PDB file of all heavy atoms in Angstrom:
ATOM      1  N   PRO A   1     114.512 104.853 105.055  1.00  0.00           N
ATOM      2  CA  PRO A   1     113.947 104.804 103.703  1.00  0.00           C
ATOM      3  C   PRO A   1     112.422 104.706 103.746  1.00  0.00           C
ATOM      4  O   PRO A   1     111.850 104.253 104.744  1.00  0.00           O
ATOM      5  CB  PRO A   1     114.563 103.524 103.124  1.00  0.00           C
ATOM      6  CG  PRO A   1     114.762 102.644 104.322  1.00  0.00           C
ATOM      7  CD  PRO A   1     115.166 103.579 105.434  1.00  0.00           C
ATOM      8  N   HIS A   2     111.803 105.123 102.676  1.00  0.00           N
ATOM      9  CA  HIS A   2     110.352 104.987 102.588  1.00  0.00           C
ATOM     10  C   HIS A   2     110.000 103.506 102.460  1.00  0.00           C
ATOM     11  O   HIS A   2     110.659 102.768 101.721  1.00  0.00           O
ATOM     12  CB  HIS A   2     109.817 105.755 101.379  1.00  0.00           C
ATOM     13  CG  HIS A   2     108.333 105.952 101.413  1.00  0.00           C
ATOM     14  ND1 HIS A   2     107.452 104.998 100.959  1.00  0.00           N
ATOM     15  CD2 HIS A   2     107.571 106.984 101.861  1.00  0.00           C
ATOM     16  CE1 HIS A   2     106.214 105.433 101.112  1.00  0.00           C
ATOM     17  NE2 HIS A   2     106.260 106.632 101.670  1.00  0.00           N
ATOM     18  N   PRO A   3     108.972 103.045 103.172  1.00  0.00           N
ATOM     19  CA  PRO A   3     108.648 101.609 103.154  1.00  0.00           C
ATOM     20  C   PRO A   3     108.103 101.105 101.821  1.00  0.00           C
ATOM     21  O   PRO A   3     108.020  99.892 101.606  1.00  0.00           O
ATOM     22  CB  PRO A   3     107.600 101.480 104.257  1.00  0.00           C
ATOM     23  CG  PRO A   3     106.971 102.834 104.354  1.00  0.00           C
ATOM     24  CD  PRO A   3     108.100 103.793 104.084  1.00  0.00           C
ATOM     25  N   GLY A   4     107.718 102.010 100.930  1.00  0.00           N
ATOM     26  CA  GLY A   4     107.171 101.580  99.647  1.00  0.00           C
ATOM     27  C   GLY A   4     105.654 101.529  99.674  1.00  0.00           C
ATOM     28  O   GLY A   4     105.028 101.535 100.736  1.00  0.00           O
ATOM     29  N   LEU A   5     105.074 101.473  98.497  1.00  0.00           N
ATOM     30  CA  LEU A   5     103.619 101.557  98.367  1.00  0.00           C
ATOM     31  C   LEU A   5     102.898 100.407  99.056  1.00  0.00           C
ATOM     32  O   LEU A   5     101.935 100.628  99.799  1.00  0.00           O
ATOM     33  CB  LEU A   5     103.236 101.595  96.883  1.00  0.00           C
ATOM     34  CG  LEU A   5     101.732 101.648  96.577  1.00  0.00           C
ATOM     35  CD1 LEU A   5     101.112 102.911  97.151  1.00  0.00           C
ATOM     36  CD2 LEU A   5     101.494 101.563  95.075  1.00  0.00           C
ATOM     37  N   ILE A   6     103.350  99.179  98.841  1.00  0.00           N
ATOM     38  CA  ILE A   6     102.650  98.010  99.380  1.00  0.00           C
ATOM     39  C   ILE A   6     102.649  98.021 100.902  1.00  0.00           C
ATOM     40  O   ILE A   6     101.598  97.870 101.545  1.00  0.00           O
ATOM     41  CB  ILE A   6     103.281  96.701  98.864  1.00  0.00           C
ATOM     42  CG1 ILE A   6     103.243  96.639  97.341  1.00  0.00           C
ATOM     43  CG2 ILE A   6     102.553  95.492  99.469  1.00  0.00           C
ATOM     44  CD1 ILE A   6     101.842  96.692  96.773  1.00  0.00           C
ATOM     45  N   ILE A   7     103.835  98.197 101.502  1.00  0.00           N
ATOM     46  CA  ILE A   7     103.930  98.207 102.970  1.00  0.00           C
ATOM     47  C   ILE A   7     103.145  99.377 103.542  1.00  0.00           C
ATOM     48  O   ILE A   7     102.495  99.259 104.588  1.00  0.00           O
ATOM     49  CB  ILE A   7     105.405  98.270 103.418  1.00  0.00           C
ATOM     50  CG1 ILE A   7     106.131  96.983 103.001  1.00  0.00           C
ATOM     51  CG2 ILE A   7     105.503  98.474 104.928  1.00  0.00           C
ATOM     52  CD1 ILE A   7     107.603  96.972 103.359  1.00  0.00           C
ATOM     53  N   THR A   8     103.192 100.520 102.859  1.00  0.00           N
ATOM     54  CA  THR A   8     102.452 101.693 103.334  1.00  0.00           C
ATOM     55  C   THR A   8     100.958 101.418 103.362  1.00  0.00           C
ATOM     56  O   THR A   8     100.270 101.710 104.354  1.00  0.00           O
ATOM     57  CB  THR A   8     102.737 102.909 102.433  1.00  0.00           C
ATOM     58  OG1 THR A   8     104.123 103.234 102.505  1.00  0.00           O
ATOM     59  CG2 THR A   8     101.920 104.112 102.891  1.00  0.00           C
ATOM     60  N   LEU A   9     100.433 100.844 102.284  1.00  0.00           N
ATOM     61  CA  LEU A   9      98.996 100.560 102.219  1.00  0.00           C
ATOM     62  C   LEU A   9      98.579  99.493 103.231  1.00  0.00           C
ATOM     63  O   LEU A   9      97.567  99.636 103.918  1.00  0.00           O
ATOM     64  CB  LEU A   9      98.621 100.118 100.805  1.00  0.00           C
ATOM     65  CG  LEU A   9      98.681 101.199  99.717  1.00  0.00           C
ATOM     66  CD1 LEU A   9      98.353 100.605  98.354  1.00  0.00           C
ATOM     67  CD2 LEU A   9      97.732 102.355 100.033  1.00  0.00           C
ATOM     68  N   VAL A  10      99.381  98.421 103.320  1.00  0.00           N
ATOM     69  CA  VAL A  10      99.066  97.349 104.270  1.00  0.00           C
ATOM     70  C   VAL A  10      99.135  97.859 105.709  1.00  0.00           C
ATOM     71  O   VAL A  10      98.255  97.582 106.536  1.00  0.00           O
ATOM     72  CB  VAL A  10     100.023  96.155 104.079  1.00  0.00           C
ATOM     73  CG1 VAL A  10      99.824  95.127 105.198  1.00  0.00           C
ATOM     74  CG2 VAL A  10      99.789  95.491 102.718  1.00  0.00           C
ATOM     75  N   GLY A  11     100.191  98.623 106.008  1.00  0.00           N
ATOM     76  CA  GLY A  11     100.341  99.172 107.354  1.00  0.00           C
ATOM     77  C   GLY A  11      99.234 100.134 107.704  1.00  0.00           C
ATOM     78  O   GLY A  11      98.664 100.077 108.803  1.00  0.00           O
ATOM     79  N   PHE A  12      98.901 101.032 106.762  1.00  0.00           N
ATOM     80  CA  PHE A  12      97.858 102.023 107.025  1.00  0.00           C
ATOM     81  C   PHE A  12      96.506 101.364 107.246  1.00  0.00           C
ATOM     82  O   PHE A  12      95.841 101.607 108.256  1.00  0.00           O
ATOM     83  CB  PHE A  12      97.775 103.023 105.873  1.00  0.00           C
ATOM     84  CG  PHE A  12      96.579 103.936 105.953  1.00  0.00           C
ATOM     85  CD1 PHE A  12      96.529 104.947 106.902  1.00  0.00           C
ATOM     86  CD2 PHE A  12      95.500 103.766 105.101  1.00  0.00           C
ATOM     87  CE1 PHE A  12      95.416 105.781 107.000  1.00  0.00           C
ATOM     88  CE2 PHE A  12      94.391 104.593 105.191  1.00  0.00           C
ATOM     89  CZ  PHE A  12      94.356 105.599 106.136  1.00  0.00           C
ATOM     90  N   TYR A  13      96.079 100.524 106.300  1.00  0.00           N
ATOM     91  CA  TYR A  13      94.744  99.928 106.413  1.00  0.00           C
ATOM     92  C   TYR A  13      94.668  98.893 107.527  1.00  0.00           C
ATOM     93  O   TYR A  13      93.610  98.731 108.155  1.00  0.00           O
ATOM     94  CB  TYR A  13      94.317  99.320 105.072  1.00  0.00           C
ATOM     95  CG  TYR A  13      93.895 100.366 104.075  1.00  0.00           C
ATOM     96  CD1 TYR A  13      94.700 100.691 102.987  1.00  0.00           C
ATOM     97  CD2 TYR A  13      92.697 101.061 104.240  1.00  0.00           C
ATOM     98  CE1 TYR A  13      94.320 101.682 102.082  1.00  0.00           C
ATOM     99  CE2 TYR A  13      92.310 102.044 103.342  1.00  0.00           C
ATOM    100  CZ  TYR A  13      93.126 102.350 102.272  1.00  0.00           C
ATOM    101  OH  TYR A  13      92.744 103.333 101.391  1.00  0.00           O
ATOM    102  N   GLY A  14      95.778  98.227 107.798  1.00  0.00           N
ATOM    103  CA  GLY A  14      95.793  97.292 108.918  1.00  0.00           C
ATOM    104  C   GLY A  14      95.622  98.001 110.248  1.00  0.00           C
ATOM    105  O   GLY A  14      94.809  97.600 111.090  1.00  0.00           O
ATOM    106  N   LEU A  15      96.372  99.082 110.443  1.00  0.00           N
ATOM    107  CA  LEU A  15      96.266  99.851 111.687  1.00  0.00           C
ATOM    108  C   LEU A  15      94.945 100.602 111.760  1.00  0.00           C
ATOM    109  O   LEU A  15      94.391 100.799 112.850  1.00  0.00           O
ATOM    110  CB  LEU A  15      97.445 100.824 111.797  1.00  0.00           C
ATOM    111  CG  LEU A  15      98.808 100.167 112.051  1.00  0.00           C
ATOM    112  CD1 LEU A  15      99.932 101.182 111.901  1.00  0.00           C
ATOM    113  CD2 LEU A  15      98.840  99.542 113.443  1.00  0.00           C
ATOM    114  N   LEU A  16      94.428 101.036 110.608  1.00  0.00           N
ATOM    115  CA  LEU A  16      93.124 101.687 110.588  1.00  0.00           C
ATOM    116  C   LEU A  16      92.030 100.712 111.017  1.00  0.00           C
ATOM    117  O   LEU A  16      91.139 101.066 111.802  1.00  0.00           O
ATOM    118  CB  LEU A  16      92.827 102.221 109.184  1.00  0.00           C
ATOM    119  CG  LEU A  16      91.528 103.018 109.016  1.00  0.00           C
ATOM    120  CD1 LEU A  16      91.565 104.302 109.851  1.00  0.00           C
ATOM    121  CD2 LEU A  16      91.308 103.363 107.541  1.00  0.00           C
ATOM    122  N   TYR A  17      92.109  99.485 110.521  1.00  0.00           N
ATOM    123  CA  TYR A  17      91.145  98.452 110.916  1.00  0.00           C
ATOM    124  C   TYR A  17      91.251  98.169 112.420  1.00  0.00           C
ATOM    125  O   TYR A  17      90.229  98.061 113.116  1.00  0.00           O
ATOM    126  CB  TYR A  17      91.406  97.176 110.122  1.00  0.00           C
ATOM    127  CG  TYR A  17      90.563  96.005 110.546  1.00  0.00           C
ATOM    128  CD1 TYR A  17      89.225  95.895 110.144  1.00  0.00           C
ATOM    129  CD2 TYR A  17      91.100  94.996 111.356  1.00  0.00           C
ATOM    130  CE1 TYR A  17      88.451  94.811 110.540  1.00  0.00           C
ATOM    131  CE2 TYR A  17      90.329  93.916 111.762  1.00  0.00           C
ATOM    132  CZ  TYR A  17      89.003  93.826 111.347  1.00  0.00           C
ATOM    133  OH  TYR A  17      88.229  92.756 111.750  1.00  0.00           O
ATOM    134  N   LEU A  18      92.477  98.061 112.914  1.00  0.00           N
ATOM    135  CA  LEU A  18      92.693  97.810 114.340  1.00  0.00           C
ATOM    136  C   LEU A  18      92.116  98.941 115.184  1.00  0.00           C
ATOM    137  O   LEU A  18      91.498  98.699 116.229  1.00  0.00           O
ATOM    138  CB  LEU A  18      94.187  97.662 114.616  1.00  0.00           C
ATOM    139  CG  LEU A  18      94.588  97.419 116.074  1.00  0.00           C
ATOM    140  CD1 LEU A  18      94.026  96.098 116.564  1.00  0.00           C
ATOM    141  CD2 LEU A  18      96.113  97.441 116.215  1.00  0.00           C
ATOM    142  N   THR A  19      92.292 100.180 114.719  1.00  0.00           N
ATOM    143  CA  THR A  19      91.766 101.332 115.459  1.00  0.00           C
ATOM    144  C   THR A  19      90.249 101.286 115.527  1.00  0.00           C
ATOM    145  O   THR A  19      89.658 101.559 116.577  1.00  0.00           O
ATOM    146  CB  THR A  19      92.222 102.643 114.795  1.00  0.00           C
ATOM    147  OG1 THR A  19      93.647 102.695 114.753  1.00  0.00           O
ATOM    148  CG2 THR A  19      91.708 103.840 115.574  1.00  0.00           C
ATOM    149  N   HIS A  20      89.606 100.945 114.421  1.00  0.00           N
ATOM    150  CA  HIS A  20      88.143 100.843 114.415  1.00  0.00           C
ATOM    151  C   HIS A  20      87.660  99.718 115.331  1.00  0.00           C
ATOM    152  O   HIS A  20      86.651  99.875 116.018  1.00  0.00           O
ATOM    153  CB  HIS A  20      87.640 100.618 112.987  1.00  0.00           C
ATOM    154  CG  HIS A  20      87.509 101.883 112.197  1.00  0.00           C
ATOM    155  ND1 HIS A  20      86.318 102.570 112.079  1.00  0.00           N
ATOM    156  CD2 HIS A  20      88.417 102.604 111.500  1.00  0.00           C
ATOM    157  CE1 HIS A  20      86.490 103.646 111.336  1.00  0.00           C
ATOM    158  NE2 HIS A  20      87.761 103.697 110.969  1.00  0.00           N
ATOM    159  N   LYS A  21      88.383  98.601 115.340  1.00  0.00           N
ATOM    160  CA  LYS A  21      87.968  97.464 116.173  1.00  0.00           C
ATOM    161  C   LYS A  21      88.127  97.749 117.661  1.00  0.00           C
ATOM    162  O   LYS A  21      87.388  97.201 118.486  1.00  0.00           O
ATOM    163  CB  LYS A  21      88.794  96.230 115.798  1.00  0.00           C
ATOM    164  CG  LYS A  21      88.496  95.670 114.421  1.00  0.00           C
ATOM    165  CD  LYS A  21      87.086  95.101 114.317  1.00  0.00           C
ATOM    166  CE  LYS A  21      86.951  93.834 115.120  1.00  0.00           C
ATOM    167  NZ  LYS A  21      85.618  93.208 114.945  1.00  0.00           N
ATOM    168  N   THR A  22      89.079  98.584 118.017  1.00  0.00           N
ATOM    169  CA  THR A  22      89.359  98.856 119.432  1.00  0.00           C
ATOM    170  C   THR A  22      88.891 100.237 119.878  1.00  0.00           C
ATOM    171  O   THR A  22      89.221 100.678 120.978  1.00  0.00           O
ATOM    172  CB  THR A  22      90.874  98.728 119.696  1.00  0.00           C
ATOM    173  OG1 THR A  22      91.584  99.676 118.873  1.00  0.00           O
ATOM    174  CG2 THR A  22      91.370  97.328 119.385  1.00  0.00           C
ATOM    175  N   SER A  23      88.130 100.924 119.032  1.00  0.00           N
ATOM    176  CA  SER A  23      87.771 102.319 119.297  1.00  0.00           C
ATOM    177  C   SER A  23      86.902 102.514 120.541  1.00  0.00           C
ATOM    178  O   SER A  23      86.825 103.631 121.062  1.00  0.00           O
ATOM    179  CB  SER A  23      87.050 102.920 118.086  1.00  0.00           C
ATOM    180  OG  SER A  23      85.851 102.209 117.807  1.00  0.00           O
ATOM    181  N   ASN A  24      86.265 101.462 121.002  1.00  0.00           N
ATOM    182  CA  ASN A  24      85.395 101.585 122.183  1.00  0.00           C
ATOM    183  C   ASN A  24      86.069 101.104 123.460  1.00  0.00           C
ATOM    184  O   ASN A  24      85.403 100.885 124.471  1.00  0.00           O
ATOM    185  CB  ASN A  24      84.092 100.804 121.960  1.00  0.00           C
ATOM    186  CG  ASN A  24      83.226 101.436 120.881  1.00  0.00           C
ATOM    187  OD1 ASN A  24      83.002 102.640 120.869  1.00  0.00           O
ATOM    188  ND2 ASN A  24      82.737 100.612 119.952  1.00  0.00           N
ATOM    189  N   SER A  25      87.380 100.939 123.403  1.00  0.00           N
ATOM    190  CA  SER A  25      88.126 100.507 124.581  1.00  0.00           C
ATOM    191  C   SER A  25      89.386 101.343 124.729  1.00  0.00           C
ATOM    192  O   SER A  25      89.741 102.123 123.841  1.00  0.00           O
ATOM    193  CB  SER A  25      88.505  99.022 124.459  1.00  0.00           C
ATOM    194  OG  SER A  25      89.416  98.834 123.391  1.00  0.00           O
ATOM    195  N   SER A  26      90.068 101.174 125.839  1.00  0.00           N
ATOM    196  CA  SER A  26      91.297 101.932 126.077  1.00  0.00           C
ATOM    197  C   SER A  26      92.384 101.550 125.080  1.00  0.00           C
ATOM    198  O   SER A  26      93.283 102.346 124.803  1.00  0.00           O
ATOM    199  CB  SER A  26      91.797 101.689 127.505  1.00  0.00           C
ATOM    200  OG  SER A  26      92.008 100.297 127.735  1.00  0.00           O
ATOM    201  N   ALA A  27      92.298 100.344 124.523  1.00  0.00           N
ATOM    202  CA  ALA A  27      93.278  99.918 123.522  1.00  0.00           C
ATOM    203  C   ALA A  27      93.185 100.766 122.264  1.00  0.00           C
ATOM    204  O   ALA A  27      94.130 100.839 121.486  1.00  0.00           O
ATOM    205  CB  ALA A  27      93.068  98.443 123.173  1.00  0.00           C
ATOM    206  N   GLY A  28      92.046 101.426 122.073  1.00  0.00           N
ATOM    207  CA  GLY A  28      91.877 102.284 120.915  1.00  0.00           C
ATOM    208  C   GLY A  28      92.863 103.437 120.903  1.00  0.00           C
ATOM    209  O   GLY A  28      93.297 103.881 119.832  1.00  0.00           O
ATOM    210  N   LEU A  29      93.228 103.922 122.091  1.00  0.00           N
ATOM    211  CA  LEU A  29      94.204 105.008 122.170  1.00  0.00           C
ATOM    212  C   LEU A  29      95.575 104.545 121.691  1.00  0.00           C
ATOM    213  O   LEU A  29      96.275 105.265 120.972  1.00  0.00           O
ATOM    214  CB  LEU A  29      94.298 105.527 123.608  1.00  0.00           C
ATOM    215  CG  LEU A  29      93.064 106.290 124.125  1.00  0.00           C
ATOM    216  CD1 LEU A  29      93.217 106.600 125.610  1.00  0.00           C
ATOM    217  CD2 LEU A  29      92.873 107.576 123.328  1.00  0.00           C
ATOM    218  N   LEU A  30      95.957 103.323 122.076  1.00  0.00           N
ATOM    219  CA  LEU A  30      97.229 102.783 121.602  1.00  0.00           C
ATOM    220  C   LEU A  30      97.196 102.583 120.086  1.00  0.00           C
ATOM    221  O   LEU A  30      98.182 102.854 119.391  1.00  0.00           O
ATOM    222  CB  LEU A  30      97.519 101.453 122.300  1.00  0.00           C
ATOM    223  CG  LEU A  30      97.733 101.507 123.817  1.00  0.00           C
ATOM    224  CD1 LEU A  30      97.939 100.103 124.371  1.00  0.00           C
ATOM    225  CD2 LEU A  30      98.925 102.396 124.148  1.00  0.00           C
ATOM    226  N   SER A  31      96.057 102.140 119.591  1.00  0.00           N
ATOM    227  CA  SER A  31      95.922 101.899 118.148  1.00  0.00           C
ATOM    228  C   SER A  31      96.034 103.187 117.355  1.00  0.00           C
ATOM    229  O   SER A  31      96.687 103.229 116.307  1.00  0.00           O
ATOM    230  CB  SER A  31      94.576 101.224 117.856  1.00  0.00           C
ATOM    231  OG  SER A  31      94.478  99.970 118.494  1.00  0.00           O
ATOM    232  N   VAL A  32      95.395 104.254 117.843  1.00  0.00           N
ATOM    233  CA  VAL A  32      95.421 105.513 117.099  1.00  0.00           C
ATOM    234  C   VAL A  32      96.823 106.122 117.099  1.00  0.00           C
ATOM    235  O   VAL A  32      97.248 106.708 116.096  1.00  0.00           O
ATOM    236  CB  VAL A  32      94.367 106.504 117.646  1.00  0.00           C
ATOM    237  CG1 VAL A  32      94.798 107.119 118.963  1.00  0.00           C
ATOM    238  CG2 VAL A  32      94.095 107.612 116.631  1.00  0.00           C
ATOM    239  N   PHE A  33      97.557 105.941 118.183  1.00  0.00           N
ATOM    240  CA  PHE A  33      98.932 106.448 118.217  1.00  0.00           C
ATOM    241  C   PHE A  33      99.841 105.592 117.325  1.00  0.00           C
ATOM    242  O   PHE A  33     100.775 106.108 116.708  1.00  0.00           O
ATOM    243  CB  PHE A  33      99.467 106.490 119.645  1.00  0.00           C
ATOM    244  CG  PHE A  33      99.084 107.739 120.382  1.00  0.00           C
ATOM    245  CD1 PHE A  33      98.048 107.747 121.293  1.00  0.00           C
ATOM    246  CD2 PHE A  33      99.760 108.933 120.143  1.00  0.00           C
ATOM    247  CE1 PHE A  33      97.683 108.901 121.960  1.00  0.00           C
ATOM    248  CE2 PHE A  33      99.409 110.098 120.810  1.00  0.00           C
ATOM    249  CZ  PHE A  33      98.364 110.087 121.722  1.00  0.00           C
ATOM    250  N   ALA A  34      99.561 104.287 117.254  1.00  0.00           N
ATOM    251  CA  ALA A  34     100.324 103.425 116.353  1.00  0.00           C
ATOM    252  C   ALA A  34     100.081 103.831 114.903  1.00  0.00           C
ATOM    253  O   ALA A  34     101.023 103.911 114.098  1.00  0.00           O
ATOM    254  CB  ALA A  34      99.931 101.961 116.568  1.00  0.00           C
ATOM    255  N   LEU A  35      98.820 104.112 114.583  1.00  0.00           N
ATOM    256  CA  LEU A  35      98.476 104.522 113.220  1.00  0.00           C
ATOM    257  C   LEU A  35      99.118 105.848 112.849  1.00  0.00           C
ATOM    258  O   LEU A  35      99.757 105.973 111.795  1.00  0.00           O
ATOM    259  CB  LEU A  35      96.949 104.624 113.082  1.00  0.00           C
ATOM    260  CG  LEU A  35      96.409 105.221 111.771  1.00  0.00           C
ATOM    261  CD1 LEU A  35      96.811 104.357 110.583  1.00  0.00           C
ATOM    262  CD2 LEU A  35      94.897 105.381 111.847  1.00  0.00           C
ATOM    263  N   THR A  36      98.959 106.833 113.702  1.00  0.00           N
ATOM    264  CA  THR A  36      99.492 108.164 113.391  1.00  0.00           C
ATOM    265  C   THR A  36     101.019 108.178 113.436  1.00  0.00           C
ATOM    266  O   THR A  36     101.662 108.919 112.687  1.00  0.00           O
ATOM    267  CB  THR A  36      98.926 109.220 114.361  1.00  0.00           C
ATOM    268  OG1 THR A  36      99.184 108.832 115.724  1.00  0.00           O
ATOM    269  CG2 THR A  36      97.420 109.351 114.175  1.00  0.00           C
ATOM    270  N   GLY A  37     101.605 107.350 114.290  1.00  0.00           N
ATOM    271  CA  GLY A  37     103.061 107.235 114.311  1.00  0.00           C
ATOM    272  C   GLY A  37     103.578 106.622 113.023  1.00  0.00           C
ATOM    273  O   GLY A  37     104.591 107.074 112.469  1.00  0.00           O
ATOM    274  N   PHE A  38     102.890 105.606 112.538  1.00  0.00           N
ATOM    275  CA  PHE A  38     103.282 104.976 111.275  1.00  0.00           C
ATOM    276  C   PHE A  38     103.180 105.967 110.123  1.00  0.00           C
ATOM    277  O   PHE A  38     104.056 106.019 109.253  1.00  0.00           O
ATOM    278  CB  PHE A  38     102.393 103.759 111.007  1.00  0.00           C
ATOM    279  CG  PHE A  38     102.659 103.094 109.681  1.00  0.00           C
ATOM    280  CD1 PHE A  38     103.772 102.289 109.504  1.00  0.00           C
ATOM    281  CD2 PHE A  38     101.799 103.289 108.609  1.00  0.00           C
ATOM    282  CE1 PHE A  38     104.029 101.672 108.279  1.00  0.00           C
ATOM    283  CE2 PHE A  38     102.042 102.683 107.387  1.00  0.00           C
ATOM    284  CZ  PHE A  38     103.156 101.868 107.217  1.00  0.00           C
ATOM    285  N   MET A  39     102.128 106.775 110.120  1.00  0.00           N
ATOM    286  CA  MET A  39     101.966 107.771 109.071  1.00  0.00           C
ATOM    287  C   MET A  39     103.049 108.841 109.162  1.00  0.00           C
ATOM    288  O   MET A  39     103.513 109.362 108.150  1.00  0.00           O
ATOM    289  CB  MET A  39     100.570 108.392 109.151  1.00  0.00           C
ATOM    290  CG  MET A  39      99.457 107.392 108.865  1.00  0.00           C
ATOM    291  SD  MET A  39      97.797 108.070 109.041  1.00  0.00           S
ATOM    292  CE  MET A  39      97.700 109.100 107.577  1.00  0.00           C
TER     293      MET A  39
END
């Protein structure tokens, strides 16, 4: 099922924030795949 608007927004912006915070390290690759996988 679709997670709904609230979970979608929280998940997207939370993972987007995590990706920005880790973008200068190898963890950034895991973050970007987590974000795009969630989308």
